[in-house]
């Protein structure tokens, strides 16, 4: 039997595909989503509204979408990568003209039944396109300048558009995830050394531009940097968020104050307790044990994605799955670092736990792609 015949005969077809899902990964996603429901119920004072109930509905919809994406052959998603990326970029451009404004930023498109954040979508479509590109590109051309320039432009254009919204956190995630894809594809290390040197120069330029006519960041973004470096300089102003977050984290101790017993969140000292700072609520109520348990669930999700990537036979599936795993890792790593004072507050939600529609649905689509790679790999 040839390899092609083996591949065709060994890939499940029809309704049988459901039995070939990566069920441990699916159960882990449900477990993390359930943690989110629990915490949103808590921060609402023991009520399913206004956050827990909509979140549960979105997660249920996300599971259905994940299953639909999973049963579609992986080659279909490879062929659709360019269209998906182009659509997400067009939506980013549309935000410039028709976007809804919230909290001083123009990041959403109002669809009536939900507000879509295209910057969340482009995180995944960029990974898809880069994986398809390096699947198509012969290995000997991977590090040639012309063939490196193309994926760099694929990364930089949406990053620039997101930075204009302004959304510094997401733009950093796009740059980092894109760089990781180039590294995984085998681009020569000298390019990364050059980028690191340029980033050092950019950081210096950011600080030098402050207060000038060519200032590179918004004033509130500079205040976030100041707060990160020394929150005590303005504990009731710019440093309030991180100060209250650290108080909540510390007061939880080893086992926490108990479910719905967190004083920082219940008394509304903790800002954005249903979105960016929901991890501190969990740490206050369930302590170090609860925090490390959630971190373990996240780590296991990444491990199962990596195992799927290693088990696949084609370059697109492997690169895409590793890219999604790394992007997911960035989500929770940056959020947890942010609320613990280890990174500036850049507005990155905690995946599948923080309240929000676009981020959750896009993540479930991403895990549907991982499931599709798992189901359609040769056995």
Protein backbone atom coordinates (compact mmCIF):
# COMPACT_ATOMS: atom_id res chain seq x y z
CA UNK A 1 0.00 0.00 0.00
CA UNK A 2 1.43 3.41 -0.99
CA UNK A 3 1.67 6.29 1.48
CA UNK A 4 -1.12 8.13 -0.38
CA UNK A 5 -3.42 5.11 -0.16
CA UNK A 6 -2.55 4.73 3.51
CA UNK A 7 -3.31 8.41 4.13
CA UNK A 8 -6.68 8.30 2.37
CA UNK A 9 -7.78 5.08 4.06
CA UNK A 10 -6.54 5.99 7.52
CA UNK A 11 -8.24 9.40 7.83
CA UNK A 12 -11.76 9.09 9.34
CA UNK A 13 -14.75 10.17 7.26
CA UNK A 14 -18.33 11.22 7.88
CA UNK A 15 -19.88 11.20 11.36
CA UNK A 16 -17.05 9.00 12.64
CA UNK A 17 -14.88 12.13 12.81
CA UNK A 18 -16.51 13.12 16.10
CA UNK A 19 -15.02 10.03 17.76
CA UNK A 20 -11.54 11.12 16.63
CA UNK A 21 -11.68 14.50 18.34
CA UNK A 22 -8.93 15.29 20.79
CA UNK A 23 -11.27 14.75 23.72
CA UNK A 24 -8.74 15.54 26.48
CA UNK A 25 -8.20 18.96 24.85
CA UNK A 26 -11.97 19.47 24.56
CA UNK A 27 -12.51 18.64 28.24
CA UNK A 28 -9.69 21.00 29.25
CA UNK A 29 -11.33 23.83 27.30
CA UNK A 30 -14.65 23.12 29.03
CA UNK A 31 -12.90 23.09 32.41
CA UNK A 32 -11.27 26.48 31.80
CA UNK A 33 -14.55 27.92 30.48
CA UNK A 34 -16.33 26.67 33.62
CA UNK A 35 -13.79 28.49 35.79
CA UNK A 36 -14.73 31.63 33.89
CA UNK A 37 -18.45 31.10 34.52
CA UNK A 38 -17.76 30.59 38.22
CA UNK A 39 -15.70 33.76 38.54
CA UNK A 40 -18.13 35.90 36.53
CA UNK A 41 -20.94 34.64 38.79
CA UNK A 42 -18.87 35.65 41.79
CA UNK A 43 -17.89 39.16 40.63
CA UNK A 44 -21.57 39.85 39.88
CA UNK A 45 -22.37 39.22 43.55
CA UNK A 46 -23.90 35.78 43.08
CA UNK A 47 -25.85 36.48 39.90
CA UNK A 48 -25.74 34.99 36.41
CA UNK A 49 -26.36 38.43 34.96
CA UNK A 50 -24.89 40.57 33.55
CA UNK A 51 -21.78 38.50 32.75
CA UNK A 52 -21.98 34.76 33.48
CA UNK A 53 -25.12 33.94 31.48
CA UNK A 54 -24.01 35.65 28.22
CA UNK A 55 -20.58 34.07 28.64
CA UNK A 56 -22.11 30.59 28.95
CA UNK A 57 -24.17 31.13 25.81
CA UNK A 58 -21.12 32.31 23.88
CA UNK A 59 -19.06 29.38 25.08
CA UNK A 60 -21.81 26.95 24.02
CA UNK A 61 -21.90 28.61 20.60
CA UNK A 62 -18.11 28.44 20.51
CA UNK A 63 -18.14 24.68 21.16
CA UNK A 64 -20.54 24.15 18.27
CA UNK A 65 -18.36 26.29 15.99
CA UNK A 66 -15.27 24.36 17.12
CA UNK A 67 -16.92 21.06 16.17
CA UNK A 68 -17.98 22.40 12.76
CA UNK A 69 -14.46 23.67 12.05
CA UNK A 70 -12.97 20.40 13.33
CA UNK A 71 -14.83 18.08 10.94
CA UNK A 72 -13.88 20.12 7.85
CA UNK A 73 -10.73 18.67 6.20
CA UNK A 74 -7.54 20.50 7.10
CA UNK A 75 -6.65 21.04 3.43
CA UNK A 76 -9.75 23.23 3.11
CA UNK A 77 -8.51 25.55 5.83
CA UNK A 78 -5.08 25.65 4.21
CA UNK A 79 -6.62 26.79 0.93
CA UNK A 80 -8.79 29.33 2.76
CA UNK A 81 -5.87 30.90 4.70
CA UNK A 82 -5.30 33.76 2.26
CA UNK A 83 -9.00 34.64 2.07
CA UNK A 84 -9.32 34.51 5.88
CA UNK A 85 -6.31 36.78 6.37
CA UNK A 86 -7.47 39.22 3.69
CA UNK A 87 -10.95 39.41 5.23
CA UNK A 88 -9.59 40.11 8.70
CA UNK A 89 -7.32 42.86 7.33
CA UNK A 90 -10.26 44.45 5.48
CA UNK A 91 -12.21 44.40 8.75
CA UNK A 92 -9.28 46.15 10.45
CA UNK A 93 -9.40 48.83 7.77
CA UNK A 94 -13.19 49.09 8.20
CA UNK A 95 -12.66 49.81 11.90
CA UNK A 96 -10.86 53.01 10.85
CA UNK A 97 -14.04 54.30 9.20
CA UNK A 98 -16.97 52.56 10.87
CA UNK A 99 -15.58 51.32 14.19
CA UNK A 100 -17.31 51.78 17.53
CA UNK A 101 -15.43 53.73 20.18
CA UNK A 102 -15.11 52.43 23.74
CA UNK A 103 -12.86 53.60 26.58
CA UNK A 104 -10.99 55.94 24.25
CA UNK A 105 -10.19 53.28 21.63
CA UNK A 106 -11.76 52.49 18.25
CA UNK A 107 -11.49 48.69 18.02
CA UNK A 108 -14.93 47.23 17.36
CA UNK A 109 -17.45 46.85 14.56
CA UNK A 110 -21.05 46.81 15.77
CA UNK A 111 -22.90 43.92 14.10
CA UNK A 112 -26.09 44.46 16.08
CA UNK A 113 -26.13 41.13 17.92
CA UNK A 114 -22.47 41.50 18.99
CA UNK A 115 -19.47 43.78 18.72
CA UNK A 116 -16.74 42.18 16.62
CA UNK A 117 -13.10 43.00 17.37
CA UNK A 118 -11.18 42.28 14.14
CA UNK A 119 -7.82 42.46 15.93
CA UNK A 120 -8.75 39.23 17.72
CA UNK A 121 -9.54 37.53 14.41
CA UNK A 122 -6.30 38.58 12.72
CA UNK A 123 -4.24 36.85 15.45
CA UNK A 124 -5.43 33.50 14.10
CA UNK A 125 -5.71 34.29 10.38
CA UNK A 126 -2.11 35.59 10.40
CA UNK A 127 -0.92 32.28 11.86
CA UNK A 128 -2.93 30.38 9.22
CA UNK A 129 -1.47 32.39 6.33
CA UNK A 130 2.13 32.11 7.59
CA UNK A 131 1.70 28.34 8.05
CA UNK A 132 0.30 28.01 4.51
CA UNK A 133 3.12 30.20 3.14
CA UNK A 134 5.88 28.10 4.67
CA UNK A 135 4.10 24.92 3.67
CA UNK A 136 4.24 26.18 0.06
CA UNK A 137 7.77 27.64 0.20
CA UNK A 138 10.67 25.23 -0.47
CA UNK A 139 12.87 24.83 2.61
CA UNK A 140 16.00 26.10 0.82
CA UNK A 141 14.33 29.51 0.29
CA UNK A 142 13.19 29.99 3.89
CA UNK A 143 16.00 32.37 4.90
CA UNK A 144 16.51 34.23 1.62
CA UNK A 145 15.83 37.98 2.07
CA UNK A 146 13.05 38.28 -0.51
CA UNK A 147 11.17 35.31 0.91
CA UNK A 148 11.61 36.64 4.46
CA UNK A 149 10.29 40.08 3.48
CA UNK A 150 6.89 38.72 2.41
CA UNK A 151 5.92 37.22 5.81
CA UNK A 152 7.38 40.28 7.57
CA UNK A 153 4.93 42.47 5.63
CA UNK A 154 2.13 40.02 6.49
CA UNK A 155 2.95 40.61 10.15
CA UNK A 156 3.66 44.34 10.10
CA UNK A 157 0.58 45.61 8.25
CA UNK A 158 -2.06 44.35 10.72
CA UNK A 159 0.26 45.26 13.60
CA UNK A 160 0.38 48.84 12.34
CA UNK A 161 -3.41 48.96 11.91
CA UNK A 162 -4.00 47.61 15.43
CA UNK A 163 -1.50 50.06 16.91
CA UNK A 164 -3.50 52.92 15.36
CA UNK A 165 -6.70 51.92 17.21
CA UNK A 166 -4.75 52.20 19.64
CA UNK A 167 -4.19 48.71 21.07
CA UNK A 168 -0.60 48.30 22.20
CA UNK A 169 -1.18 44.92 23.87
CA UNK A 170 -2.62 43.21 20.78
CA UNK A 171 0.01 44.75 18.50
CA UNK A 172 2.76 43.32 20.73
CA UNK A 173 1.06 39.91 20.64
CA UNK A 174 0.87 40.03 16.83
CA UNK A 175 4.55 40.88 16.51
CA UNK A 176 5.60 38.18 18.98
CA UNK A 177 3.38 35.47 17.49
CA UNK A 178 4.52 36.38 13.97
CA UNK A 179 8.16 36.24 15.02
CA UNK A 180 7.58 32.85 16.61
CA UNK A 181 6.10 31.54 13.35
CA UNK A 182 9.18 32.64 11.43
CA UNK A 183 11.41 30.96 14.02
CA UNK A 184 9.41 27.72 13.90
CA UNK A 185 9.58 27.75 10.09
CA UNK A 186 13.38 27.77 10.27
CA UNK A 187 14.32 31.37 9.39
CA UNK A 188 18.02 32.00 10.14
CA UNK A 189 18.83 33.30 13.63
CA UNK A 190 20.68 36.34 12.25
CA UNK A 191 17.36 37.94 11.31
CA UNK A 192 16.15 37.64 14.89
CA UNK A 193 19.39 39.11 16.23
CA UNK A 194 18.85 42.10 13.96
CA UNK A 195 15.25 42.50 15.08
CA UNK A 196 16.23 42.35 18.75
CA UNK A 197 18.81 45.09 18.15
CA UNK A 198 16.22 47.19 16.31
CA UNK A 199 13.72 46.67 19.13
CA UNK A 200 16.29 47.99 21.59
CA UNK A 201 16.63 51.10 19.44
CA UNK A 202 12.85 51.42 19.18
CA UNK A 203 12.45 51.27 22.97
CA UNK A 204 15.05 54.04 23.29
CA UNK A 205 13.21 56.08 20.65
CA UNK A 206 9.89 55.62 22.47
CA UNK A 207 11.30 57.12 25.64
CA UNK A 208 13.16 59.88 23.77
CA UNK A 209 10.00 60.89 21.88
CA UNK A 210 7.96 61.51 25.01
CA UNK A 211 6.70 65.09 25.13
CA UNK A 212 7.88 65.90 21.62
CA UNK A 213 5.93 66.59 18.43
CA UNK A 214 6.84 63.11 17.14
CA UNK A 215 5.72 61.22 20.26
CA UNK A 216 5.37 57.52 19.35
CA UNK A 217 2.86 56.44 22.01
CA UNK A 218 -0.26 57.93 23.53
CA UNK A 219 0.01 59.71 26.89
CA UNK A 220 -1.96 56.99 28.68
CA UNK A 221 0.41 54.35 27.33
CA UNK A 222 3.37 56.24 28.79
CA UNK A 223 1.50 56.40 32.10
CA UNK A 224 1.12 52.62 31.98
CA UNK A 225 4.90 52.29 31.58
CA UNK A 226 5.49 54.66 34.51
CA UNK A 227 3.02 52.68 36.58
CA UNK A 228 4.75 49.43 35.71
CA UNK A 229 8.14 50.80 36.74
CA UNK A 230 6.88 52.34 39.99
CA UNK A 231 3.16 51.98 40.88
CA UNK A 232 3.65 53.86 44.16
CA UNK A 233 4.24 57.14 42.31
CA UNK A 234 0.49 57.51 41.75
CA UNK A 235 -1.35 54.90 43.87
CA UNK A 236 -4.72 56.64 43.51
CA UNK A 237 -4.35 57.50 39.83
CA UNK A 238 -2.44 55.64 37.16
CA UNK A 239 -1.07 53.16 39.69
CA UNK A 240 -4.47 52.34 41.21
CA UNK A 241 -5.21 49.27 39.08
CA UNK A 242 -1.98 47.42 39.72
CA UNK A 243 -1.89 48.44 43.40
CA UNK A 244 -5.36 47.00 44.03
CA UNK A 245 -4.49 43.93 41.97
CA UNK A 246 -1.45 43.20 44.13
CA UNK A 247 -3.50 43.67 47.30
CA UNK A 248 -6.05 41.13 46.02
CA UNK A 249 -3.34 38.66 45.02
CA UNK A 250 -1.59 38.92 48.37
CA UNK A 251 -4.75 38.70 50.47
CA UNK A 252 -5.67 35.33 48.94
CA UNK A 253 -2.77 33.52 50.62
CA UNK A 254 -2.48 29.79 50.02
CA UNK A 255 -6.12 28.74 49.94
CA UNK A 256 -7.98 32.04 49.48
CA UNK A 257 -10.73 33.84 51.34
CA UNK A 258 -13.43 31.57 49.96
CA UNK A 259 -15.87 31.67 47.06
CA UNK A 260 -17.55 35.10 46.81
CA UNK A 261 -15.64 36.28 49.88
CA UNK A 262 -13.03 38.43 48.15
CA UNK A 263 -13.13 41.92 49.62
CA UNK A 264 -11.31 43.67 46.77
CA UNK A 265 -13.79 42.51 44.13
CA UNK A 266 -16.95 42.51 46.28
CA UNK A 267 -16.31 46.08 47.47
CA UNK A 268 -15.40 47.21 43.95
CA UNK A 269 -11.83 48.18 44.76
CA UNK A 270 -10.62 45.94 41.95
CA UNK A 271 -11.07 47.57 38.50
CA UNK A 272 -12.18 45.65 35.39
CA UNK A 273 -12.80 42.64 37.62
CA UNK A 274 -14.82 40.84 34.94
CA UNK A 275 -12.26 41.27 32.15
CA UNK A 276 -8.54 42.04 32.43
CA UNK A 277 -8.24 41.57 36.21
CA UNK A 278 -10.41 38.50 36.69
CA UNK A 279 -7.34 36.40 37.56
CA UNK A 280 -6.79 38.48 40.70
CA UNK A 281 -10.37 37.75 41.78
CA UNK A 282 -9.71 34.03 41.41
CA UNK A 283 -6.43 34.32 43.34
CA UNK A 284 -8.12 36.25 46.15
CA UNK A 285 -10.99 33.79 46.52
CA UNK A 286 -9.10 30.52 45.91
CA UNK A 287 -5.55 31.55 46.76
CA UNK A 288 -2.33 30.14 45.37
CA UNK A 289 -3.93 26.71 45.00
CA UNK A 290 -6.67 28.06 42.74
CA UNK A 291 -4.27 30.19 40.70
CA UNK A 292 -1.81 27.34 40.10
CA UNK A 293 -4.69 25.00 39.24
CA UNK A 294 -5.86 27.33 36.46
CA UNK A 295 -2.28 27.73 35.26
CA UNK A 296 -1.96 23.93 35.12
CA UNK A 297 -5.09 23.70 32.95
CA UNK A 298 -3.64 26.27 30.58
CA UNK A 299 -0.31 24.45 30.45
CA UNK A 300 -2.03 21.15 29.65
CA UNK A 301 -3.93 22.78 26.77
CA UNK A 302 -0.61 23.97 25.30
CA UNK A 303 0.92 20.49 25.81
CA UNK A 304 -1.93 18.75 23.96
CA UNK A 305 -1.63 21.24 21.09
CA UNK A 306 2.11 20.58 20.84
CA UNK A 307 1.52 16.81 20.88
CA UNK A 308 -0.96 17.23 18.00
CA UNK A 309 1.58 19.31 16.08
CA UNK A 310 4.26 16.65 16.51
CA UNK A 311 1.87 13.89 15.39
CA UNK A 312 0.82 15.55 12.14
CA UNK A 313 2.49 14.63 8.85
CA UNK A 314 2.14 17.88 6.91
CA UNK A 315 3.99 21.14 7.48
CA UNK A 316 0.89 23.36 7.40
CA UNK A 317 -0.90 21.49 10.20
CA UNK A 318 2.22 21.35 12.33
CA UNK A 319 3.14 25.03 11.96
CA UNK A 320 -0.44 26.23 12.37
CA UNK A 321 -1.01 24.16 15.53
CA UNK A 322 2.28 25.31 17.08
CA UNK A 323 1.43 28.92 16.17
CA UNK A 324 -2.01 28.67 17.80
CA UNK A 325 -0.48 27.04 20.89
CA UNK A 326 2.09 29.84 21.18
CA UNK A 327 -0.56 32.56 20.67
CA UNK A 328 -2.71 30.98 23.38
CA UNK A 329 0.32 30.84 25.67
CA UNK A 330 0.96 34.54 25.07
CA UNK A 331 -2.64 35.34 26.04
CA UNK A 332 -2.52 33.89 29.52
CA UNK A 333 1.18 34.58 30.16
CA UNK A 334 0.83 38.29 29.38
CA UNK A 335 -2.43 38.65 31.34
CA UNK A 336 -1.06 36.93 34.44
CA UNK A 337 2.21 38.86 34.24
CA UNK A 338 0.26 42.08 33.82
CA UNK A 339 -1.94 41.68 36.90
CA UNK A 340 1.03 40.55 39.02
CA UNK A 341 3.03 43.63 38.12
CA UNK A 342 5.59 41.71 36.03
CA UNK A 343 4.54 43.44 32.79
CA UNK A 344 2.83 46.74 31.92
CA UNK A 345 -0.97 46.80 31.91
CA UNK A 346 -1.74 46.44 28.19
CA UNK A 347 -5.35 45.25 28.22
CA UNK A 348 -4.96 41.56 27.31
CA UNK A 349 -7.88 39.38 28.54
CA UNK A 350 -7.47 36.03 30.28
CA UNK A 351 -8.42 33.46 27.59
CA UNK A 352 -11.79 31.70 28.01
CA UNK A 353 -12.17 33.22 31.49
CA UNK A 354 -12.45 36.99 31.00
CA UNK A 355 -15.83 38.31 29.88
CA UNK A 356 -15.94 38.97 26.15
CA UNK A 357 -17.37 37.69 22.89
CA UNK A 358 -14.85 38.18 20.08
CA UNK A 359 -11.86 36.76 21.94
CA UNK A 360 -13.73 33.64 23.05
CA UNK A 361 -15.28 32.83 19.68
CA UNK A 362 -11.99 33.39 17.83
CA UNK A 363 -10.18 31.10 20.29
CA UNK A 364 -12.77 28.38 19.81
CA UNK A 365 -12.35 28.68 16.02
CA UNK A 366 -8.59 28.36 16.56
CA UNK A 367 -9.01 25.21 18.63
CA UNK A 368 -11.37 23.91 15.94
CA UNK A 369 -8.44 24.21 13.52
CA UNK A 370 -6.24 22.30 15.97
CA UNK A 371 -8.93 19.61 16.20
CA UNK A 372 -9.16 19.46 12.39
CA UNK A 373 -5.40 18.85 12.19
CA UNK A 374 -5.76 16.14 14.85
CA UNK A 375 -8.71 14.38 13.17
CA UNK A 376 -7.32 14.44 9.64
CA UNK A 377 -3.78 13.35 10.37
CA UNK A 378 -2.82 9.96 8.87
CA UNK A 379 -3.15 7.02 11.27
